Amino acid sequence: MSEPGNPRPHGEPSYDDQSSDQHAYDEVHDPAYDDAAYDEHAYEEHPYEEHAYDEVHDDHDSDVLTAVRRPGSRRAKRKRPPGVGCLVAVVVLALVVGGLYLAVSRGIGALESRFGDGPDDYPGPGSGRVAFEVQQGDSATDIAAGLVAEDVVASAEAFTNAAAADDRSTAIQVGMYDLRREMSAQDALEVLVDPANLVSGGGVTVPEGLRVEEIVDVLSEGTGVPVRRFEQALADPDALGLPSYADGDPEGYLFPATYDFGKGDSPRSMLRAMVARWQQSADSADLEGRAAQLGYTPGEVMTVASLVEAEASRPEDRARVARVIYNRLEGDETDGLLQLDATVNYASGEDLGARTSSEDRQIQSPYNTYLVPGLPPTPIEAPGDAAIEAAANPSDGDWFYYVTVDLATGETKFAETFAEHEQNVAELNEYCTTSDAC
C-alpha cells in the first residue's frame, strides 16, 4: 500500500488576489429572522407597506345620488313615499355618529397605548446584544415580526404603531444593526432609522484549505454576525450563485481571500460574494474548457483542486500532485485508489494528523479513498487560485506516488514505481524518529 501525501496544515492565508473588489458582487440578502416568524418570499420590494397605515375616511357626499334633468324635458313630480325623509336623516345621523366613534376610538387607543392599556411594550432600555438584519423589501410588519422573534420588542403592534407615527421609518436601510433584548419599540425604531447605526464588518481573511463550517466560524468572528445566520443562508444554496455542477453543495466554492464586508452586507450577500470570487478564479483558469480537454467535469476538477490544496506542501509541488491524482484515476497501478490521508481526515470529521493509522483508514465513508476508488463525491475544502490552476493544468509525468519526507520544510519526493516509493517512505520514517512533527 502506498504512503499518502501529507496535508498542508490549515490556516495559512495566501494574499494573492486579496484585493478583489467585493462591491461588484450582487448583494442578495438572507433571512434575518426565524422561518416560523414569516415567509421572506412574500415580501414586497418596497421598504414598507404604507397602505397598512392609511386612515379610514368617511365621504358622506359620495352617498348622495343627484338626478339631472335635461333642459326642456318634462317629468311629472313623484310624491315621496312616507318615511323616506326620516330614513335619510337616520342614515346621515348614523354616518356622523360612526365617524365620531371611529375618531374617539382611535384617540382612546392612542392613549391606551401610551399609558399602559395598549400593545405590550418593554420599558427598555434593554440589555445584551442582538445582531439584527433588515432585508431588501422588508415592510414594517416584517421588521416587527423579526424583532419579536429576537425578543428585541415585546409585540409587533408596538413597533408598527411607532413606525406608523414616524415618517423616518419609510427610509430604514437594509443591513445589520446592533440592538438589545427587551428594548422599547420606540428605542428600537430610533436605532433603525439612523443609517449611522449600520454595522460595518470590516476586512475578513479566509485562508485556503478550510471546510464550510470552518469558513462560517471565521466569517462570524470577523463580522460579529451569529453563526446561525450564516447557516440559515447556507440552507438556501440556490440563492448563493453556485454553479450547477456543485449540486447545491457549497463545499469548495466559498473562495478563500480577504473580503471588505461593510455596511449592508448580510450573511447571504457575503456568501454570494465568495462564490462570485470563486467564479473569477474558475474563469481565469478556464476551468470548464480545461476540464473538457482533460476528460472530466468541472465539478470533478474542482474536487481535484481541493485535494491538491490539502496535499501539496509547497507551491512547486501542486501541479505534480495533480498529475499523480489523474494518473491514479486513469491507470491500474493502484486500482483507481487515490489513498490520500486528507480524505480520511475529511471522512472522520476530525484532524487525524499528517499520517493516518491503518485503523483510521478503515473508516466507512465514500470520502475514504483508501477504500473507495475514484474521486470523493465533493471537494473536501476550499482551494485557492494556485490549486485550481494546478488541477486545470497538471504537470506532465508518470508519477503514481509521492511522500513528504520532511514535514518541516515540506520537501516532497515523487516516484513512478512502488519500489522507489518505498525508499522515500523509509526516508520519512527515519525523519520521524527524530522529529515531533510526525
Protein backbone atom coordinates (compact mmCIF):
# COMPACT_ATOMS: atom_id res chain seq x y z
CA MET A 1 0.00 0.00 0.00
CA SER A 2 1.37 3.40 -0.91
CA GLU A 3 2.22 6.06 1.61
CA PRO A 4 -0.10 9.04 1.07
CA GLY A 5 0.98 12.63 0.82
CA ASN A 6 0.64 14.81 3.86
CA PRO A 7 -1.96 17.54 4.05
CA ARG A 8 -0.59 21.01 4.46
CA PRO A 9 -1.63 22.49 7.83
CA HIS A 10 -4.80 24.54 7.51
CA GLY A 11 -4.99 28.17 8.28
CA GLU A 12 -2.05 29.54 6.28
CA PRO A 13 -3.50 32.53 4.40
CA SER A 14 -2.49 33.40 0.89
CA TYR A 15 -2.59 37.07 -0.01
CA ASP A 16 -2.82 36.52 -3.74
CA ASP A 17 -5.86 38.21 -5.23
CA GLN A 18 -6.93 39.59 -1.91
CA SER A 19 -7.57 42.96 -3.40
CA SER A 20 -10.64 41.90 -5.31
CA ASP A 21 -13.44 44.43 -5.30
CA GLN A 22 -16.35 42.99 -3.41
CA HIS A 23 -18.60 45.91 -4.36
CA ALA A 24 -19.02 44.39 -7.80
CA TYR A 25 -20.90 41.48 -6.45
CA ASP A 26 -24.65 41.24 -6.29
CA GLU A 27 -25.98 41.80 -2.83
CA VAL A 28 -28.68 39.30 -2.17
CA HIS A 29 -29.68 39.14 1.44
CA ASP A 30 -30.57 36.21 3.55
CA PRO A 31 -33.43 35.79 6.01
CA ALA A 32 -32.61 37.57 9.20
CA TYR A 33 -35.36 36.03 11.19
CA ASP A 34 -36.65 32.60 12.18
CA ASP A 35 -38.61 30.92 9.42
CA ALA A 36 -41.57 30.49 11.74
CA ALA A 37 -41.91 34.25 12.00
CA TYR A 38 -42.62 34.97 8.37
CA ASP A 39 -42.01 33.95 4.77
CA GLU A 40 -39.38 36.13 3.12
CA HIS A 41 -40.58 35.30 -0.39
CA ALA A 42 -43.82 37.04 0.32
CA TYR A 43 -42.17 40.41 0.87
CA GLU A 44 -42.80 43.34 -1.40
CA GLU A 45 -39.84 45.23 -2.86
CA HIS A 46 -40.95 48.48 -1.15
CA PRO A 47 -39.40 49.46 2.18
CA TYR A 48 -42.67 49.48 3.99
CA GLU A 49 -46.33 48.72 3.34
CA GLU A 50 -47.68 52.24 3.50
CA HIS A 51 -51.24 51.08 2.99
CA ALA A 52 -51.04 49.44 6.39
CA TYR A 53 -51.20 52.86 7.97
CA ASP A 54 -53.86 54.55 5.74
CA GLU A 55 -56.57 56.19 7.81
CA VAL A 56 -60.23 55.44 7.12
CA HIS A 57 -62.20 58.44 5.84
CA ASP A 58 -65.95 58.65 5.56
CA ASP A 59 -67.05 60.57 2.49
CA HIS A 60 -70.72 61.35 3.05
CA ASP A 61 -71.07 63.20 -0.25
CA SER A 62 -70.45 60.02 -2.19
CA ASP A 63 -73.61 58.55 -0.69
CA VAL A 64 -75.86 61.28 -2.24
CA LEU A 65 -77.22 60.50 -5.69
CA THR A 66 -78.25 63.52 -7.82
CA ALA A 67 -80.53 63.18 -10.86
CA VAL A 68 -80.06 65.85 -13.54
CA ARG A 69 -82.98 66.58 -15.88
CA ARG A 70 -82.18 67.64 -19.42
CA PRO A 71 -83.23 71.24 -20.32
CA GLY A 72 -86.66 71.40 -21.82
CA SER A 73 -87.73 67.98 -20.73
CA ARG A 74 -90.74 67.47 -18.56
CA ARG A 75 -91.33 64.90 -15.90
CA ALA A 76 -94.29 64.55 -13.57
CA LYS A 77 -93.31 65.07 -9.97
CA ARG A 78 -93.47 61.92 -7.90
CA LYS A 79 -94.70 62.08 -4.38
CA ARG A 80 -92.01 60.98 -1.87
CA PRO A 81 -93.11 57.82 -0.07
CA PRO A 82 -93.93 58.27 3.62
CA GLY A 83 -90.93 57.87 5.94
CA VAL A 84 -88.19 58.43 3.32
CA GLY A 85 -87.15 61.77 4.76
CA CYS A 86 -86.92 60.27 8.20
CA LEU A 87 -84.88 57.33 6.86
CA VAL A 88 -82.38 59.66 5.17
CA ALA A 89 -81.98 61.59 8.38
CA VAL A 90 -81.36 58.40 10.32
CA VAL A 91 -78.74 57.20 7.82
CA VAL A 92 -76.92 60.55 7.88
CA LEU A 93 -77.03 60.58 11.65
CA ALA A 94 -75.62 57.03 11.75
CA LEU A 95 -72.73 58.02 9.48
CA VAL A 96 -71.94 61.05 11.62
CA VAL A 97 -72.09 59.04 14.80
CA GLY A 98 -69.98 56.29 13.21
CA GLY A 99 -67.31 58.81 12.19
CA LEU A 100 -67.24 60.30 15.65
CA TYR A 101 -66.98 56.84 17.19
CA LEU A 102 -64.05 55.96 14.92
CA ALA A 103 -62.20 59.15 15.81
CA VAL A 104 -62.88 58.72 19.53
CA SER A 105 -61.84 55.06 19.38
CA ARG A 106 -58.56 55.96 17.76
CA GLY A 107 -57.91 58.62 20.33
CA ILE A 108 -58.65 56.24 23.16
CA GLY A 109 -56.46 53.59 21.50
CA ALA A 110 -53.57 56.03 21.29
CA LEU A 111 -53.99 56.97 24.94
CA GLU A 112 -54.20 53.33 25.99
CA SER A 113 -51.04 52.52 24.04
CA ARG A 114 -49.24 55.40 25.72
CA PHE A 115 -50.49 54.90 29.23
CA GLY A 116 -50.35 51.12 29.60
CA ASP A 117 -53.50 49.58 28.16
CA GLY A 118 -52.21 49.38 24.57
CA PRO A 119 -49.99 46.71 22.93
CA ASP A 120 -47.32 45.05 25.04
CA ASP A 121 -44.09 47.03 25.14
CA TYR A 122 -40.90 46.73 27.15
CA PRO A 123 -39.92 49.78 29.19
CA GLY A 124 -36.32 49.50 27.94
CA PRO A 125 -33.50 50.28 27.65
CA GLY A 126 -32.80 46.55 27.26
CA SER A 127 -29.64 44.51 27.72
CA GLY A 128 -27.24 42.22 25.88
CA ARG A 129 -26.55 42.40 22.14
CA VAL A 130 -28.63 41.26 19.16
CA ALA A 131 -27.24 41.44 15.62
CA PHE A 132 -30.40 42.28 13.70
CA GLU A 133 -30.76 42.35 9.92
CA VAL A 134 -33.13 44.38 7.78
CA GLN A 135 -33.52 42.80 4.36
CA GLN A 136 -34.34 44.33 0.99
CA GLY A 137 -38.11 44.63 0.69
CA ASP A 138 -38.86 44.26 4.41
CA SER A 139 -42.02 46.05 5.49
CA ALA A 140 -42.66 47.43 8.96
CA THR A 141 -44.64 44.29 9.67
CA ASP A 142 -41.73 42.07 8.59
CA ILE A 143 -39.27 44.01 10.72
CA ALA A 144 -41.64 43.90 13.67
CA ALA A 145 -42.01 40.12 13.37
CA GLY A 146 -38.22 39.73 13.35
CA LEU A 147 -37.81 41.99 16.36
CA VAL A 148 -40.35 39.94 18.31
CA ALA A 149 -38.64 36.68 17.29
CA GLU A 150 -35.35 38.02 18.65
CA ASP A 151 -37.07 39.34 21.81
CA VAL A 152 -35.96 42.87 20.98
CA VAL A 153 -39.52 44.24 21.35
CA ALA A 154 -42.46 42.85 23.28
CA SER A 155 -45.02 42.96 20.47
CA ALA A 156 -45.21 43.58 16.75
CA GLU A 157 -48.06 46.04 17.23
CA ALA A 158 -45.99 48.27 19.48
CA PHE A 159 -43.33 48.59 16.80
CA THR A 160 -45.70 49.07 13.85
CA ASN A 161 -47.56 51.76 15.82
CA ALA A 162 -44.29 53.56 16.48
CA ALA A 163 -43.25 53.21 12.83
CA ALA A 164 -46.61 54.49 11.58
CA ALA A 165 -46.19 57.64 13.64
CA ASP A 166 -42.65 58.34 12.38
CA ASP A 167 -42.04 59.33 8.75
CA ARG A 168 -38.39 58.30 9.05
CA SER A 169 -39.48 54.66 9.23
CA THR A 170 -40.08 54.67 5.47
CA ALA A 171 -36.33 55.14 4.86
CA ILE A 172 -34.85 52.39 7.04
CA GLN A 173 -31.83 50.99 5.19
CA VAL A 174 -31.06 47.32 4.67
CA GLY A 175 -28.16 45.85 6.62
CA MET A 176 -27.10 44.76 10.08
CA TYR A 177 -27.85 46.70 13.28
CA ASP A 178 -26.75 46.23 16.88
CA LEU A 179 -29.83 46.10 19.11
CA ARG A 180 -30.54 44.88 22.65
CA ARG A 181 -33.03 42.43 24.07
CA GLU A 182 -36.17 43.89 25.67
CA MET A 183 -35.97 47.36 24.19
CA SER A 184 -38.97 49.64 23.98
CA ALA A 185 -40.43 49.74 20.48
CA GLN A 186 -39.61 53.44 20.17
CA ASP A 187 -35.98 52.90 21.20
CA ALA A 188 -35.60 50.07 18.67
CA LEU A 189 -37.07 52.29 15.96
CA GLU A 190 -34.66 55.11 16.85
CA VAL A 191 -31.73 52.78 16.16
CA LEU A 192 -33.12 51.53 12.85
CA VAL A 193 -33.98 54.92 11.37
CA ASP A 194 -30.41 56.20 11.78
CA PRO A 195 -28.08 54.97 8.97
CA ALA A 196 -25.10 55.70 11.22
CA ASN A 197 -26.09 52.65 13.24
CA LEU A 198 -25.45 50.23 10.37
CA VAL A 199 -22.77 47.76 11.40
CA SER A 200 -19.65 47.50 9.25
CA GLY A 201 -17.98 44.09 9.26
CA GLY A 202 -14.53 45.27 8.12
CA GLY A 203 -11.87 43.16 6.47
CA VAL A 204 -12.12 39.39 6.90
CA THR A 205 -9.43 37.00 5.69
CA VAL A 206 -10.49 33.46 4.86
CA PRO A 207 -7.40 31.26 4.33
CA GLU A 208 -7.15 28.39 1.87
CA GLY A 209 -7.95 24.86 2.91
CA LEU A 210 -10.94 25.43 5.18
CA ARG A 211 -14.19 23.48 5.19
CA VAL A 212 -17.54 25.25 5.07
CA GLU A 213 -18.13 25.04 8.81
CA GLU A 214 -14.66 26.47 9.46
CA ILE A 215 -15.26 29.30 7.00
CA VAL A 216 -18.52 30.18 8.76
CA ASP A 217 -16.67 30.41 12.06
CA VAL A 218 -14.12 32.80 10.51
CA LEU A 219 -16.86 34.96 9.00
CA SER A 220 -18.82 35.09 12.23
CA GLU A 221 -15.77 36.06 14.26
CA GLY A 222 -14.72 38.70 11.75
CA THR A 223 -18.12 40.33 11.28
CA GLY A 224 -19.90 39.74 14.57
CA VAL A 225 -22.82 38.09 12.76
CA PRO A 226 -24.01 34.94 14.58
CA VAL A 227 -23.10 31.58 13.06
CA ARG A 228 -26.75 30.60 12.82
CA ARG A 229 -27.39 33.47 10.40
CA PHE A 230 -24.83 32.03 8.01
CA GLU A 231 -26.30 28.57 8.49
CA GLN A 232 -29.72 29.95 7.55
CA ALA A 233 -28.24 31.41 4.36
CA LEU A 234 -26.49 28.13 3.54
CA ALA A 235 -29.82 26.33 3.91
CA ASP A 236 -30.89 28.02 0.65
CA PRO A 237 -28.00 27.09 -1.68
CA ASP A 238 -29.93 28.11 -4.79
CA ALA A 239 -29.59 31.74 -3.66
CA LEU A 240 -25.79 31.63 -3.40
CA GLY A 241 -24.97 31.62 -7.12
CA LEU A 242 -23.36 28.17 -7.09
CA PRO A 243 -22.64 26.50 -10.44
CA SER A 244 -25.00 23.71 -11.46
CA TYR A 245 -22.26 21.10 -11.10
CA ALA A 246 -21.89 21.93 -7.39
CA ASP A 247 -25.25 20.17 -6.90
CA GLY A 248 -26.23 22.66 -4.21
CA ASP A 249 -23.17 21.92 -2.04
CA PRO A 250 -21.02 24.99 -1.26
CA GLU A 251 -18.04 22.90 -0.12
CA GLY A 252 -15.04 24.07 -2.14
CA TYR A 253 -16.84 27.06 -3.69
CA LEU A 254 -16.55 29.67 -0.91
CA PHE A 255 -13.36 31.19 -2.19
CA PRO A 256 -10.51 31.93 0.24
CA ALA A 257 -9.47 35.60 0.10
CA THR A 258 -9.64 38.83 2.06
CA TYR A 259 -13.05 40.49 1.89
CA ASP A 260 -14.01 44.02 2.89
CA PHE A 261 -17.52 43.30 4.07
CA GLY A 262 -19.19 46.55 5.00
CA LYS A 263 -22.47 48.16 5.87
CA GLY A 264 -25.46 46.46 4.37
CA ASP A 265 -23.73 43.09 3.81
CA SER A 266 -25.91 40.24 5.04
CA PRO A 267 -24.72 36.65 5.52
CA ARG A 268 -26.22 35.72 2.17
CA SER A 269 -24.53 38.58 0.34
CA MET A 270 -21.20 37.67 1.94
CA LEU A 271 -21.51 34.06 0.80
CA ARG A 272 -22.57 35.18 -2.67
CA ALA A 273 -19.51 37.43 -2.82
CA MET A 274 -17.30 34.45 -2.02
CA VAL A 275 -18.92 32.32 -4.71
CA ALA A 276 -18.57 35.21 -7.18
CA ARG A 277 -14.88 35.44 -6.31
CA TRP A 278 -14.55 31.70 -6.92
CA GLN A 279 -16.12 32.22 -10.35
CA GLN A 280 -13.38 34.73 -11.19
CA SER A 281 -10.73 32.15 -10.34
CA ALA A 282 -12.53 29.44 -12.30
CA ASP A 283 -12.78 31.70 -15.35
CA SER A 284 -9.12 32.67 -15.06
CA ALA A 285 -8.10 29.01 -15.09
CA ASP A 286 -10.59 28.23 -17.89
CA LEU A 287 -11.99 25.55 -15.60
CA GLU A 288 -14.75 24.33 -17.89
CA GLY A 289 -12.59 24.35 -21.01
CA ARG A 290 -9.67 22.59 -19.37
CA ALA A 291 -11.97 20.05 -17.72
CA ALA A 292 -13.33 19.08 -21.13
CA GLN A 293 -9.81 18.69 -22.51
CA LEU A 294 -8.78 16.53 -19.55
CA GLY A 295 -11.89 14.38 -19.88
CA TYR A 296 -13.52 15.37 -16.59
CA THR A 297 -16.43 17.51 -15.47
CA PRO A 298 -15.73 20.95 -13.97
CA GLY A 299 -17.01 19.62 -10.65
CA GLU A 300 -14.50 16.77 -10.73
CA VAL A 301 -11.64 19.15 -11.48
CA MET A 302 -12.76 21.27 -8.51
CA THR A 303 -12.58 18.16 -6.33
CA VAL A 304 -9.04 17.52 -7.62
CA ALA A 305 -8.20 21.14 -6.81
CA SER A 306 -9.36 20.66 -3.23
CA LEU A 307 -7.18 17.53 -2.93
CA VAL A 308 -4.21 19.45 -4.29
CA GLU A 309 -4.85 22.22 -1.75
CA ALA A 310 -4.89 19.66 1.06
CA GLU A 311 -1.94 17.51 -0.09
CA ALA A 312 0.67 19.79 -1.69
CA SER A 313 3.15 21.10 0.85
CA ARG A 314 4.96 23.53 -1.47
CA PRO A 315 3.78 25.69 -4.39
CA GLU A 316 6.11 23.92 -6.83
CA ASP A 317 4.54 20.56 -5.99
CA ARG A 318 0.90 21.43 -6.75
CA ALA A 319 0.84 20.59 -10.45
CA ARG A 320 2.77 17.35 -9.84
CA VAL A 321 0.36 16.28 -7.10
CA ALA A 322 -2.47 16.94 -9.54
CA ARG A 323 -0.72 14.72 -12.10
CA VAL A 324 -0.39 11.87 -9.57
CA ILE A 325 -4.12 12.08 -8.84
CA TYR A 326 -5.06 11.92 -12.53
CA ASN A 327 -2.58 9.07 -13.14
CA ARG A 328 -4.10 7.04 -10.32
CA LEU A 329 -7.62 7.69 -11.58
CA GLU A 330 -6.73 6.64 -15.11
CA GLY A 331 -4.11 3.88 -14.55
CA ASP A 332 -4.01 0.43 -12.99
CA GLU A 333 -1.11 0.98 -10.60
CA THR A 334 -3.37 1.48 -7.57
CA ASP A 335 -6.63 0.07 -8.98
CA GLY A 336 -8.12 3.56 -9.03
CA LEU A 337 -7.49 4.13 -5.31
CA LEU A 338 -6.16 7.60 -4.54
CA GLN A 339 -5.10 6.63 -0.99
CA LEU A 340 -4.90 10.20 0.32
CA ASP A 341 -4.71 10.94 4.03
CA ALA A 342 -6.55 14.24 3.57
CA THR A 343 -9.70 12.39 2.51
CA VAL A 344 -9.53 10.17 5.60
CA ASN A 345 -9.33 13.30 7.76
CA TYR A 346 -12.40 14.68 6.00
CA ALA A 347 -14.28 11.39 6.34
CA SER A 348 -13.60 11.31 10.08
CA GLY A 349 -14.68 14.92 10.59
CA GLU A 350 -11.54 15.40 12.67
CA ASP A 351 -7.90 16.33 12.23
CA LEU A 352 -6.13 12.97 12.48
CA GLY A 353 -2.76 14.46 11.67
CA ALA A 354 -0.37 14.29 8.76
CA ARG A 355 -0.10 10.50 8.85
CA THR A 356 -3.23 8.42 9.39
CA SER A 357 -3.14 4.99 11.01
CA SER A 358 -4.27 1.72 9.46
CA GLU A 359 -7.27 1.87 11.78
CA ASP A 360 -8.15 5.36 10.57
CA ARG A 361 -8.06 4.11 7.00
CA GLN A 362 -10.86 1.66 7.71
CA ILE A 363 -13.44 4.41 8.24
CA GLN A 364 -16.51 3.56 6.19
CA SER A 365 -17.19 6.62 4.07
CA PRO A 366 -17.46 7.50 0.38
CA TYR A 367 -14.71 10.03 1.13
CA ASN A 368 -12.22 7.39 2.28
CA THR A 369 -10.03 7.00 -0.81
CA TYR A 370 -8.15 4.09 0.77
CA LEU A 371 -11.32 2.01 0.45
CA VAL A 372 -13.32 3.63 -2.33
CA PRO A 373 -11.79 4.06 -5.80
CA GLY A 374 -12.18 7.28 -7.73
CA LEU A 375 -12.72 10.83 -6.55
CA PRO A 376 -14.62 11.77 -3.38
CA PRO A 377 -18.23 12.88 -4.00
CA THR A 378 -17.40 16.58 -3.49
CA PRO A 379 -14.44 18.87 -2.81
CA ILE A 380 -13.11 18.44 0.72
CA GLU A 381 -12.07 22.06 1.35
CA ALA A 382 -11.76 25.42 -0.33
CA PRO A 383 -8.90 25.61 -2.87
CA GLY A 384 -7.24 28.89 -3.80
CA ASP A 385 -6.16 30.22 -7.18
CA ALA A 386 -2.95 28.19 -7.35
CA ALA A 387 -4.63 24.86 -6.56
CA ILE A 388 -7.40 25.45 -9.12
CA GLU A 389 -4.78 26.38 -11.71
CA ALA A 390 -2.76 23.23 -10.91
CA ALA A 391 -5.81 20.97 -11.18
CA ALA A 392 -6.71 22.51 -14.53
CA ASN A 393 -3.11 22.32 -15.78
CA PRO A 394 -1.32 19.33 -14.23
CA SER A 395 2.36 18.67 -14.91
CA ASP A 396 3.45 16.05 -17.41
CA GLY A 397 4.85 12.94 -15.75
CA ASP A 398 4.39 9.25 -14.99
CA TRP A 399 4.39 9.52 -11.20
CA PHE A 400 1.99 7.38 -9.22
CA TYR A 401 3.38 8.10 -5.76
CA TYR A 402 4.59 10.96 -3.61
CA VAL A 403 5.50 11.40 0.02
CA THR A 404 6.62 14.39 2.05
CA VAL A 405 9.93 13.34 3.57
CA ASP A 406 10.49 16.48 5.68
CA LEU A 407 7.40 17.83 7.38
CA ALA A 408 9.20 20.98 8.49
CA THR A 409 10.31 22.11 5.03
CA GLY A 410 7.58 20.34 3.03
CA GLU A 411 10.14 18.56 0.83
CA THR A 412 8.20 16.02 -1.22
CA LYS A 413 9.55 13.21 -3.37
CA PHE A 414 7.70 11.70 -6.35
CA ALA A 415 8.08 8.17 -7.69
CA GLU A 416 6.93 6.19 -10.70
CA THR A 417 7.23 2.75 -9.10
CA PHE A 418 6.22 1.33 -5.76
CA ALA A 419 9.78 0.15 -5.05
CA GLU A 420 11.11 3.67 -5.47
CA HIS A 421 8.28 4.97 -3.34
CA GLU A 422 9.16 2.56 -0.52
CA GLN A 423 12.64 4.05 -0.38
CA ASN A 424 11.10 7.51 0.01
CA VAL A 425 8.79 6.25 2.76
CA ALA A 426 11.81 4.83 4.58
CA GLU A 427 13.34 8.29 4.48
CA LEU A 428 10.20 9.72 6.04
CA ASN A 429 10.22 7.06 8.76
CA GLU A 430 13.82 7.91 9.58
CA TYR A 431 12.89 11.59 9.77
CA CYS A 432 10.05 10.81 12.17
CA THR A 433 12.37 9.10 14.63
CA THR A 434 13.92 12.46 15.43
CA SER A 435 11.01 14.87 14.77
CA ASP A 436 7.87 15.64 16.74
CA ALA A 437 6.15 16.80 13.56
CA CYS A 438 5.06 13.24 12.81
